[in-house]
Amino acid sequence: MTMNLSHLFTAKIEVDSPIEIGEYGKGKRRVIPITGGSFEGPEIKGTILQEGADYQLIQSDGVTEVVAHYTIETDDGVPIYIVNEGFRHGPKDIIDKLIRGEAVPDGSYYCE
């Protein structure tokens, strides 16, 4: 089975300071509140609503499991519920900077 994918939109998501939950068996848990933002693509655009969060489990090897739940709303008033799941990988020094909230160069880590 072949899947055809195309770019739908680019999102610029604003976040608040992480809420550190603490150690939990497989790693460190934290929640990053989503406070707003915008999205725009070839055929759709709108705002990121502030009801969501990015839930993270930072494993001891530095890989971060991410599950984000949030809602976007198109310019014509249609709400869309989004769930993103994946993993963030990168060199230890880059991941450490991300965890501290520091800026890192584009392309210095990746998500899958």
Protein backbone atom coordinates (compact mmCIF):
# COMPACT_ATOMS: atom_id res chain seq x y z
CA MET A 1 0.00 0.00 0.00
CA THR A 2 1.41 3.37 -1.02
CA MET A 3 0.51 6.53 0.86
CA ASN A 4 0.48 9.92 -0.81
CA LEU A 5 1.27 12.70 1.64
CA SER A 6 1.12 16.42 1.04
CA HIS A 7 1.82 19.51 3.14
CA LEU A 8 -1.35 20.62 4.91
CA PHE A 9 -0.09 23.48 7.09
CA THR A 10 2.75 24.81 9.19
CA ALA A 11 1.96 25.52 12.84
CA LYS A 12 3.63 28.06 15.10
CA ILE A 13 2.68 26.94 18.58
CA GLU A 14 3.21 29.07 21.69
CA VAL A 15 3.94 27.26 24.95
CA ASP A 16 4.27 28.08 28.64
CA SER A 17 6.96 26.89 31.05
CA PRO A 18 7.10 23.12 31.57
CA ILE A 19 5.40 21.59 34.58
CA GLU A 20 7.91 19.09 35.96
CA ILE A 21 6.08 15.99 37.24
CA GLY A 22 9.21 14.05 38.21
CA GLU A 23 10.78 10.65 37.79
CA TYR A 24 8.52 7.81 36.73
CA GLY A 25 10.07 4.37 36.19
CA LYS A 26 11.08 4.81 32.53
CA GLY A 27 12.13 8.44 32.80
CA LYS A 28 11.15 11.98 33.73
CA ARG A 29 7.60 13.20 33.07
CA ARG A 30 6.66 16.77 32.26
CA VAL A 31 3.76 18.67 30.75
CA ILE A 32 4.17 21.72 28.53
CA PRO A 33 0.98 23.82 28.31
CA ILE A 34 0.02 25.05 24.84
CA THR A 35 -1.02 28.71 25.13
CA GLY A 36 -1.89 29.67 21.55
CA GLY A 37 -0.41 30.23 18.14
CA SER A 38 -1.33 30.07 14.49
CA PHE A 39 -1.25 27.76 11.50
CA GLU A 40 -1.29 28.33 7.77
CA GLY A 41 -1.17 26.21 4.66
CA PRO A 42 -2.12 26.30 0.98
CA GLU A 43 -5.84 25.82 1.67
CA ILE A 44 -6.32 26.28 5.42
CA LYS A 45 -5.31 28.70 8.16
CA GLY A 46 -6.36 29.71 11.64
CA THR A 47 -5.39 29.80 15.30
CA ILE A 48 -4.11 27.34 17.89
CA LEU A 49 -6.43 27.38 20.90
CA GLN A 50 -5.04 27.32 24.43
CA GLU A 51 -6.70 24.17 25.74
CA GLY A 52 -3.87 21.76 24.94
CA ALA A 53 -0.59 20.41 26.20
CA ASP A 54 2.50 18.50 25.13
CA TYR A 55 2.97 15.48 27.44
CA GLN A 56 6.55 14.24 27.55
CA LEU A 57 8.45 11.28 28.95
CA ILE A 58 12.19 11.97 28.80
CA GLN A 59 13.91 8.59 28.87
CA SER A 60 17.31 8.04 30.49
CA ASP A 61 18.91 7.73 27.02
CA GLY A 62 17.64 11.24 26.13
CA VAL A 63 14.93 10.10 23.72
CA THR A 64 11.70 11.94 24.47
CA GLU A 65 8.31 10.31 23.95
CA VAL A 66 5.83 13.06 23.02
CA VAL A 67 2.03 13.04 22.96
CA ALA A 68 0.44 16.41 22.22
CA HIS A 69 -3.30 17.06 22.44
CA TYR A 70 -4.63 20.43 21.30
CA THR A 71 -7.34 22.11 19.26
CA ILE A 72 -6.99 24.38 16.27
CA GLU A 73 -9.71 26.57 14.80
CA THR A 74 -9.87 27.53 11.14
CA ASP A 75 -10.48 31.13 10.10
CA ASP A 76 -14.05 30.17 9.20
CA GLY A 77 -14.72 28.86 12.74
CA VAL A 78 -14.25 25.09 12.39
CA PRO A 79 -12.60 23.49 15.46
CA ILE A 80 -10.26 20.55 14.78
CA TYR A 81 -8.92 18.27 17.53
CA ILE A 82 -5.26 17.26 16.99
CA VAL A 83 -3.23 14.43 18.56
CA ASN A 84 0.47 14.18 17.68
CA GLU A 85 2.53 11.23 18.89
CA GLY A 86 6.19 10.59 18.31
CA PHE A 87 9.77 10.60 19.54
CA ARG A 88 12.41 13.33 19.68
CA HIS A 89 16.07 12.30 19.16
CA GLY A 90 19.36 14.15 18.99
CA PRO A 91 22.85 14.57 20.42
CA LYS A 92 22.90 14.72 24.24
CA ASP A 93 24.11 18.34 24.38
CA ILE A 94 21.29 19.47 22.05
CA ILE A 95 18.61 17.53 23.94
CA ASP A 96 19.89 18.92 27.26
CA LYS A 97 19.55 22.47 25.87
CA LEU A 98 16.01 21.77 24.67
CA ILE A 99 15.03 20.42 28.10
CA ARG A 100 16.38 23.62 29.69
CA GLY A 101 14.39 25.71 27.21
CA GLU A 102 17.45 27.03 25.37
CA ALA A 103 17.57 27.75 21.64
CA VAL A 104 19.27 25.20 19.39
CA PRO A 105 20.20 25.35 15.69
CA ASP A 106 17.58 24.28 13.14
CA GLY A 107 18.14 20.68 12.09
CA SER A 108 20.16 19.75 15.20
CA TYR A 109 17.56 17.18 16.35
CA TYR A 110 14.72 15.30 14.74
CA CYS A 111 11.27 13.95 15.48
CA GLU A 112 9.61 10.83 14.15
